[in-house]
Every structure is written in structure tokens, then in C-alpha cells.
N, C-alpha and C. Protein backbone atom coordinates (compact mmCIF):
# COMPACT_ATOMS: atom_id res chain seq x y z
N MET A 1 -39.79 41.38 52.79
CA MET A 1 -38.83 42.43 52.50
C MET A 1 -37.76 42.39 53.58
N SER A 2 -36.52 42.56 53.17
CA SER A 2 -35.41 42.45 54.11
C SER A 2 -35.26 43.73 54.93
N ALA A 3 -34.60 43.58 56.08
CA ALA A 3 -34.42 44.71 56.98
C ALA A 3 -33.61 45.85 56.35
N PRO A 4 -32.54 45.58 55.59
CA PRO A 4 -31.82 46.70 54.96
C PRO A 4 -32.70 47.46 53.96
N ALA A 5 -33.58 46.75 53.25
CA ALA A 5 -34.47 47.42 52.29
C ALA A 5 -35.47 48.31 53.03
N ILE A 6 -35.96 47.84 54.17
CA ILE A 6 -36.89 48.64 54.97
C ILE A 6 -36.18 49.88 55.49
N ASP A 7 -34.98 49.69 56.04
CA ASP A 7 -34.20 50.80 56.57
C ASP A 7 -33.89 51.82 55.47
N ALA A 8 -33.54 51.35 54.30
CA ALA A 8 -33.24 52.25 53.18
C ALA A 8 -34.50 53.01 52.76
N GLY A 9 -35.64 52.35 52.77
CA GLY A 9 -36.89 53.02 52.42
C GLY A 9 -37.25 54.12 53.40
N LEU A 10 -37.06 53.87 54.68
CA LEU A 10 -37.35 54.90 55.69
C LEU A 10 -36.36 56.06 55.61
N LYS A 11 -35.09 55.75 55.39
CA LYS A 11 -34.09 56.81 55.25
C LYS A 11 -34.36 57.63 54.00
N THR A 12 -34.79 56.98 52.93
CA THR A 12 -35.13 57.69 51.70
C THR A 12 -36.29 58.63 51.95
N GLY A 13 -37.30 58.17 52.68
CA GLY A 13 -38.45 59.01 52.99
C GLY A 13 -38.05 60.22 53.82
N LEU A 14 -37.20 60.03 54.81
CA LEU A 14 -36.74 61.15 55.64
C LEU A 14 -35.88 62.10 54.82
N GLY A 15 -35.02 61.55 53.99
CA GLY A 15 -34.18 62.40 53.14
C GLY A 15 -35.02 63.20 52.15
N ALA A 16 -36.03 62.56 51.58
CA ALA A 16 -36.89 63.26 50.63
C ALA A 16 -37.68 64.36 51.32
N ALA A 17 -38.17 64.10 52.51
CA ALA A 17 -38.91 65.12 53.25
C ALA A 17 -38.00 66.29 53.59
N THR A 18 -36.78 66.01 53.97
CA THR A 18 -35.84 67.08 54.30
C THR A 18 -35.48 67.89 53.05
N LEU A 19 -35.30 67.21 51.91
CA LEU A 19 -35.02 67.92 50.66
C LEU A 19 -36.20 68.79 50.24
N SER A 20 -37.41 68.30 50.45
CA SER A 20 -38.58 69.11 50.10
C SER A 20 -38.69 70.32 51.03
N LEU A 21 -38.27 70.17 52.29
CA LEU A 21 -38.26 71.31 53.20
C LEU A 21 -37.27 72.38 52.73
N LEU A 22 -36.10 71.96 52.29
CA LEU A 22 -35.11 72.91 51.78
C LEU A 22 -35.63 73.60 50.52
N ALA A 23 -36.27 72.84 49.65
CA ALA A 23 -36.80 73.43 48.41
C ALA A 23 -37.90 74.43 48.71
N SER A 24 -38.78 74.09 49.63
CA SER A 24 -39.86 75.02 49.95
C SER A 24 -39.34 76.24 50.71
N THR A 25 -38.27 76.08 51.45
CA THR A 25 -37.66 77.22 52.12
C THR A 25 -37.09 78.20 51.09
N SER A 26 -36.57 77.67 49.99
CA SER A 26 -36.06 78.56 48.94
C SER A 26 -37.20 79.37 48.34
N THR A 27 -38.38 78.80 48.23
CA THR A 27 -39.52 79.57 47.71
C THR A 27 -39.94 80.65 48.70
N LEU A 28 -39.82 80.34 49.96
CA LEU A 28 -40.14 81.32 50.99
C LEU A 28 -39.13 82.47 50.97
N LEU A 29 -37.86 82.14 50.82
CA LEU A 29 -36.82 83.17 50.76
C LEU A 29 -36.94 84.02 49.51
N CYS A 30 -37.35 83.40 48.43
CA CYS A 30 -37.42 84.13 47.16
C CYS A 30 -38.50 85.19 47.17
N CYS A 31 -39.61 84.90 47.77
CA CYS A 31 -40.76 85.78 47.56
C CYS A 31 -41.40 86.29 48.85
N ALA A 32 -41.54 85.47 49.85
CA ALA A 32 -42.24 85.89 51.05
C ALA A 32 -41.38 86.79 51.93
N LEU A 33 -40.12 86.45 52.08
CA LEU A 33 -39.24 87.23 52.95
C LEU A 33 -39.06 88.67 52.45
N PRO A 34 -38.76 88.88 51.17
CA PRO A 34 -38.66 90.28 50.71
C PRO A 34 -39.97 91.04 50.87
N ALA A 35 -41.10 90.41 50.58
CA ALA A 35 -42.39 91.09 50.74
C ALA A 35 -42.65 91.44 52.19
N LEU A 36 -42.28 90.55 53.10
CA LEU A 36 -42.47 90.82 54.52
C LEU A 36 -41.61 92.00 54.97
N PHE A 37 -40.35 92.04 54.54
CA PHE A 37 -39.48 93.16 54.90
C PHE A 37 -40.02 94.48 54.39
N VAL A 38 -40.48 94.49 53.16
CA VAL A 38 -41.01 95.72 52.59
C VAL A 38 -42.29 96.13 53.31
N ALA A 39 -43.15 95.17 53.63
CA ALA A 39 -44.40 95.48 54.33
C ALA A 39 -44.14 96.03 55.72
N LEU A 40 -43.07 95.59 56.35
CA LEU A 40 -42.73 96.07 57.69
C LEU A 40 -41.91 97.35 57.65
N GLY A 41 -41.62 97.84 56.45
CA GLY A 41 -40.83 99.06 56.34
C GLY A 41 -39.36 98.84 56.60
N ALA A 42 -38.92 97.63 56.37
CA ALA A 42 -37.52 97.29 56.62
C ALA A 42 -36.77 97.13 55.30
N GLY A 43 -36.93 98.10 54.42
CA GLY A 43 -36.25 98.05 53.13
C GLY A 43 -34.74 98.04 53.27
N ALA A 44 -34.21 98.76 54.26
CA ALA A 44 -32.76 98.78 54.48
C ALA A 44 -32.26 97.39 54.91
N ALA A 45 -33.06 96.72 55.73
CA ALA A 45 -32.68 95.36 56.14
C ALA A 45 -32.70 94.43 54.93
N LEU A 46 -33.66 94.62 54.04
CA LEU A 46 -33.72 93.81 52.82
C LEU A 46 -32.51 94.08 51.95
N ALA A 47 -32.13 95.34 51.81
CA ALA A 47 -30.95 95.70 51.02
C ALA A 47 -29.69 95.06 51.61
N GLY A 48 -29.59 95.07 52.93
CA GLY A 48 -28.45 94.43 53.59
C GLY A 48 -28.45 92.93 53.37
N LEU A 49 -29.63 92.33 53.42
CA LEU A 49 -29.73 90.89 53.21
C LEU A 49 -29.35 90.53 51.78
N VAL A 50 -29.81 91.31 50.82
CA VAL A 50 -29.50 91.03 49.42
C VAL A 50 -28.02 91.23 49.14
N SER A 51 -27.39 92.20 49.79
CA SER A 51 -25.95 92.38 49.58
C SER A 51 -25.16 91.24 50.22
N ALA A 52 -25.67 90.68 51.30
CA ALA A 52 -24.99 89.56 51.95
C ALA A 52 -25.27 88.23 51.24
N ALA A 53 -26.43 88.12 50.62
CA ALA A 53 -26.81 86.88 49.93
C ALA A 53 -27.38 87.24 48.56
N PRO A 54 -26.52 87.55 47.58
CA PRO A 54 -26.99 88.00 46.28
C PRO A 54 -27.77 86.95 45.50
N TRP A 55 -27.65 85.69 45.87
CA TRP A 55 -28.41 84.65 45.19
C TRP A 55 -29.91 84.80 45.42
N LEU A 56 -30.31 85.58 46.43
CA LEU A 56 -31.75 85.82 46.65
C LEU A 56 -32.36 86.57 45.47
N VAL A 57 -31.59 87.44 44.85
CA VAL A 57 -32.08 88.17 43.68
C VAL A 57 -32.33 87.20 42.54
N TRP A 58 -31.41 86.25 42.34
CA TRP A 58 -31.58 85.26 41.28
C TRP A 58 -32.84 84.45 41.53
N LEU A 59 -33.07 84.02 42.77
CA LEU A 59 -34.28 83.25 43.08
C LEU A 59 -35.53 84.06 42.77
N SER A 60 -35.51 85.34 43.10
CA SER A 60 -36.66 86.19 42.85
C SER A 60 -36.90 86.41 41.36
N LEU A 61 -35.83 86.59 40.61
CA LEU A 61 -35.97 86.80 39.17
C LEU A 61 -36.44 85.55 38.43
N HIS A 62 -36.11 84.40 38.99
CA HIS A 62 -36.48 83.12 38.37
C HIS A 62 -37.47 82.35 39.25
N LYS A 63 -38.49 83.04 39.72
CA LYS A 63 -39.41 82.40 40.66
C LYS A 63 -40.19 81.26 40.04
N ALA A 64 -40.48 81.32 38.73
CA ALA A 64 -41.18 80.20 38.10
C ALA A 64 -40.32 78.94 38.14
N LEU A 65 -39.04 79.09 37.85
CA LEU A 65 -38.12 77.95 37.92
C LEU A 65 -37.97 77.47 39.36
N THR A 66 -37.87 78.41 40.28
CA THR A 66 -37.74 78.04 41.69
C THR A 66 -38.95 77.25 42.16
N PHE A 67 -40.14 77.74 41.84
CA PHE A 67 -41.35 77.05 42.27
C PHE A 67 -41.56 75.75 41.50
N GLY A 68 -41.18 75.73 40.24
CA GLY A 68 -41.30 74.49 39.47
C GLY A 68 -40.42 73.39 40.03
N THR A 69 -39.18 73.74 40.33
CA THR A 69 -38.26 72.76 40.92
C THR A 69 -38.76 72.30 42.29
N ALA A 70 -39.20 73.25 43.09
CA ALA A 70 -39.72 72.89 44.41
C ALA A 70 -40.95 72.01 44.29
N SER A 71 -41.80 72.27 43.31
CA SER A 71 -43.00 71.45 43.11
C SER A 71 -42.64 70.02 42.76
N VAL A 72 -41.68 69.86 41.86
CA VAL A 72 -41.24 68.51 41.48
C VAL A 72 -40.67 67.78 42.70
N LEU A 73 -39.86 68.47 43.48
CA LEU A 73 -39.28 67.85 44.68
C LEU A 73 -40.36 67.51 45.71
N MET A 74 -41.37 68.37 45.83
CA MET A 74 -42.45 68.11 46.79
C MET A 74 -43.26 66.88 46.37
N VAL A 75 -43.56 66.79 45.09
CA VAL A 75 -44.32 65.63 44.60
C VAL A 75 -43.50 64.34 44.77
N ALA A 76 -42.22 64.41 44.44
CA ALA A 76 -41.36 63.23 44.61
C ALA A 76 -41.27 62.82 46.08
N ALA A 77 -41.12 63.79 46.97
CA ALA A 77 -41.05 63.48 48.40
C ALA A 77 -42.36 62.88 48.88
N GLY A 78 -43.47 63.44 48.42
CA GLY A 78 -44.77 62.88 48.80
C GLY A 78 -44.94 61.45 48.33
N ALA A 79 -44.49 61.18 47.11
CA ALA A 79 -44.58 59.81 46.58
C ALA A 79 -43.70 58.85 47.38
N LEU A 80 -42.49 59.29 47.71
CA LEU A 80 -41.61 58.43 48.51
C LEU A 80 -42.16 58.19 49.91
N LEU A 81 -42.73 59.21 50.51
CA LEU A 81 -43.34 59.03 51.83
C LEU A 81 -44.55 58.11 51.75
N TRP A 82 -45.31 58.25 50.69
CA TRP A 82 -46.49 57.38 50.51
C TRP A 82 -46.06 55.93 50.35
N ARG A 83 -44.98 55.72 49.60
CA ARG A 83 -44.48 54.36 49.41
C ARG A 83 -43.91 53.80 50.72
N ALA A 84 -43.22 54.64 51.49
CA ALA A 84 -42.57 54.18 52.73
C ALA A 84 -43.58 53.93 53.85
N ARG A 85 -44.80 54.47 53.75
CA ARG A 85 -45.78 54.31 54.82
C ARG A 85 -46.17 52.85 55.04
N SER A 86 -46.07 52.03 54.00
CA SER A 86 -46.49 50.64 54.12
C SER A 86 -45.34 49.69 54.40
N LEU A 87 -44.12 50.21 54.52
CA LEU A 87 -43.00 49.35 54.85
C LEU A 87 -43.12 48.89 56.30
N PRO A 88 -42.88 47.62 56.56
CA PRO A 88 -42.98 47.15 57.95
C PRO A 88 -41.80 47.63 58.78
N CYS A 89 -42.05 47.85 60.06
CA CYS A 89 -40.98 48.19 60.99
C CYS A 89 -40.37 46.90 61.52
N PRO A 90 -39.13 46.96 62.02
CA PRO A 90 -38.49 45.76 62.56
C PRO A 90 -39.25 45.19 63.75
N ALA A 91 -39.01 43.92 64.04
CA ALA A 91 -39.69 43.26 65.15
C ALA A 91 -39.12 43.67 66.50
N ASP A 92 -37.86 44.03 66.54
CA ASP A 92 -37.24 44.47 67.78
C ASP A 92 -37.94 45.73 68.29
N ALA A 93 -38.25 45.78 69.58
CA ALA A 93 -39.03 46.88 70.14
C ALA A 93 -38.33 48.23 69.99
N GLN A 94 -37.02 48.28 70.27
CA GLN A 94 -36.29 49.54 70.14
C GLN A 94 -36.24 50.01 68.70
N LEU A 95 -35.99 49.09 67.79
CA LEU A 95 -35.92 49.45 66.39
C LEU A 95 -37.30 49.85 65.85
N ALA A 96 -38.34 49.18 66.35
CA ALA A 96 -39.70 49.53 65.93
C ALA A 96 -40.06 50.94 66.41
N ALA A 97 -39.65 51.28 67.62
CA ALA A 97 -39.91 52.63 68.14
C ALA A 97 -39.15 53.67 67.32
N ALA A 98 -37.90 53.37 66.98
CA ALA A 98 -37.11 54.28 66.15
C ALA A 98 -37.74 54.43 64.77
N CYS A 99 -38.23 53.34 64.23
CA CYS A 99 -38.90 53.36 62.94
C CYS A 99 -40.14 54.26 62.98
N ALA A 100 -40.93 54.14 64.04
CA ALA A 100 -42.13 54.97 64.18
C ALA A 100 -41.76 56.44 64.32
N ARG A 101 -40.69 56.74 65.07
CA ARG A 101 -40.24 58.13 65.22
C ARG A 101 -39.79 58.72 63.88
N VAL A 102 -39.06 57.93 63.10
CA VAL A 102 -38.59 58.41 61.80
C VAL A 102 -39.78 58.68 60.87
N ARG A 103 -40.77 57.81 60.90
CA ARG A 103 -41.97 58.02 60.07
C ARG A 103 -42.69 59.29 60.48
N LYS A 104 -42.88 59.48 61.77
CA LYS A 104 -43.57 60.69 62.25
C LYS A 104 -42.77 61.94 61.92
N ALA A 105 -41.46 61.87 62.09
CA ALA A 105 -40.62 63.03 61.77
C ALA A 105 -40.68 63.34 60.28
N SER A 106 -40.67 62.32 59.45
CA SER A 106 -40.74 62.53 58.01
C SER A 106 -42.03 63.21 57.62
N VAL A 107 -43.13 62.76 58.17
CA VAL A 107 -44.43 63.36 57.85
C VAL A 107 -44.49 64.79 58.37
N ALA A 108 -43.98 65.03 59.58
CA ALA A 108 -44.00 66.39 60.14
C ALA A 108 -43.15 67.34 59.29
N ILE A 109 -41.99 66.89 58.86
CA ILE A 109 -41.13 67.71 58.02
C ILE A 109 -41.81 68.00 56.68
N TYR A 110 -42.46 66.99 56.12
CA TYR A 110 -43.15 67.17 54.84
C TYR A 110 -44.31 68.16 54.98
N ILE A 111 -45.06 68.06 56.05
CA ILE A 111 -46.17 69.01 56.26
C ILE A 111 -45.63 70.43 56.43
N ALA A 112 -44.53 70.58 57.17
CA ALA A 112 -43.92 71.90 57.31
C ALA A 112 -43.48 72.43 55.95
N ALA A 113 -42.94 71.56 55.12
CA ALA A 113 -42.52 71.97 53.78
C ALA A 113 -43.72 72.41 52.95
N LEU A 114 -44.83 71.70 53.05
CA LEU A 114 -46.04 72.09 52.32
C LEU A 114 -46.55 73.46 52.76
N VAL A 115 -46.51 73.70 54.06
CA VAL A 115 -46.97 74.99 54.58
C VAL A 115 -46.06 76.13 54.08
N LEU A 116 -44.75 75.92 54.14
CA LEU A 116 -43.81 76.93 53.66
C LEU A 116 -43.99 77.17 52.16
N PHE A 117 -44.21 76.10 51.42
CA PHE A 117 -44.42 76.23 49.98
C PHE A 117 -45.69 77.04 49.70
N ALA A 118 -46.74 76.76 50.43
CA ALA A 118 -48.00 77.49 50.23
C ALA A 118 -47.85 78.97 50.57
N ILE A 119 -47.12 79.28 51.62
CA ILE A 119 -46.89 80.69 51.98
C ILE A 119 -46.09 81.39 50.88
N GLY A 120 -45.03 80.75 50.43
CA GLY A 120 -44.23 81.32 49.36
C GLY A 120 -45.02 81.49 48.07
N PHE A 121 -45.86 80.51 47.73
CA PHE A 121 -46.69 80.59 46.54
C PHE A 121 -47.68 81.75 46.65
N GLY A 122 -48.24 81.91 47.82
CA GLY A 122 -49.17 83.02 48.03
C GLY A 122 -48.52 84.36 47.81
N PHE A 123 -47.32 84.54 48.35
CA PHE A 123 -46.61 85.81 48.17
C PHE A 123 -46.12 86.00 46.74
N ALA A 124 -45.74 84.92 46.06
CA ALA A 124 -45.16 85.05 44.73
C ALA A 124 -46.21 85.22 43.64
N PHE A 125 -47.35 84.53 43.76
CA PHE A 125 -48.29 84.50 42.65
C PHE A 125 -49.68 85.00 42.99
N VAL A 126 -50.18 84.72 44.19
CA VAL A 126 -51.55 85.08 44.52
C VAL A 126 -51.66 86.57 44.86
N LEU A 127 -50.86 87.06 45.78
CA LEU A 127 -50.95 88.47 46.18
C LEU A 127 -50.66 89.44 45.03
N PRO A 128 -49.67 89.19 44.16
CA PRO A 128 -49.49 90.10 43.03
C PRO A 128 -50.68 90.11 42.07
N ALA A 129 -51.38 89.00 41.96
CA ALA A 129 -52.55 88.94 41.07
C ALA A 129 -53.73 89.72 41.61
N LEU A 130 -53.73 89.99 42.91
CA LEU A 130 -54.83 90.73 43.53
C LEU A 130 -54.74 92.23 43.29
N ASP A 131 -53.60 92.72 42.85
CA ASP A 131 -53.43 94.16 42.61
C ASP A 131 -54.25 94.64 41.45
């Protein structure tokens, strides 16, 4: 496999992990953040946040679509990271070290995205079902 193909595969993995982090953050904003504000008695702060960012209401009203989209992005990012794990790093020591850092960063970002997604899912679907 050529060096540009390896580099593109690693960049794709990092980009996919970053996109999954953004998607999972939207699930957190849609459901966990408003619940946290209400639980802390900060309803006025939530009202201020919603007036400053009205798209949060749309995310909350369409949480199934939000979580569905985030799920698809998370699965795609996981598949790309899985594929990129077996790509060889360059022979040059500096480039190999950079390659290893990018791989570790991609996995760390993806794990953070999974954690945020799980927290948002818990607030959106699990806690309301417990009532």
C-alpha cells in the first residue's frame, strides 16, 4: 500500500472519530443538558440557553432522528477506525511516531464520543422509561 493511501486512511479515521464526537455531542445537548439544568434548579439558565440557541428545541423534539443520525455516524466511524487499525505506519521514525499519535488520538476521540452518546441516550430514553 502506498504512503498517500496510508496517510489518507489515517486522516479518514481521525476525521470520522471527530465527526462522531460532534454527533454524540448533539445528543448530549439535546437531552442530557436540559435535564441536568432542570435537576439543578436552573430552569432560568435553560430558558436563556434555549433563547440563545433555539436549535436545541428542534434537537429535543426530534431526538429519535438525532440519535439515529448519531448512531449511523458512530457505526461508520467505528468501521473506519477498525479498517485503519491495520494500515502500516511509515518507515521513517518521525512519521511513524506521528502515525501512532494520530491512531491513539482517533481511538481516544471515538471512546469519548461513545461515552457522550451513552450519557445522552440514558437521559433521552432510559430515564424517562423509569418513570
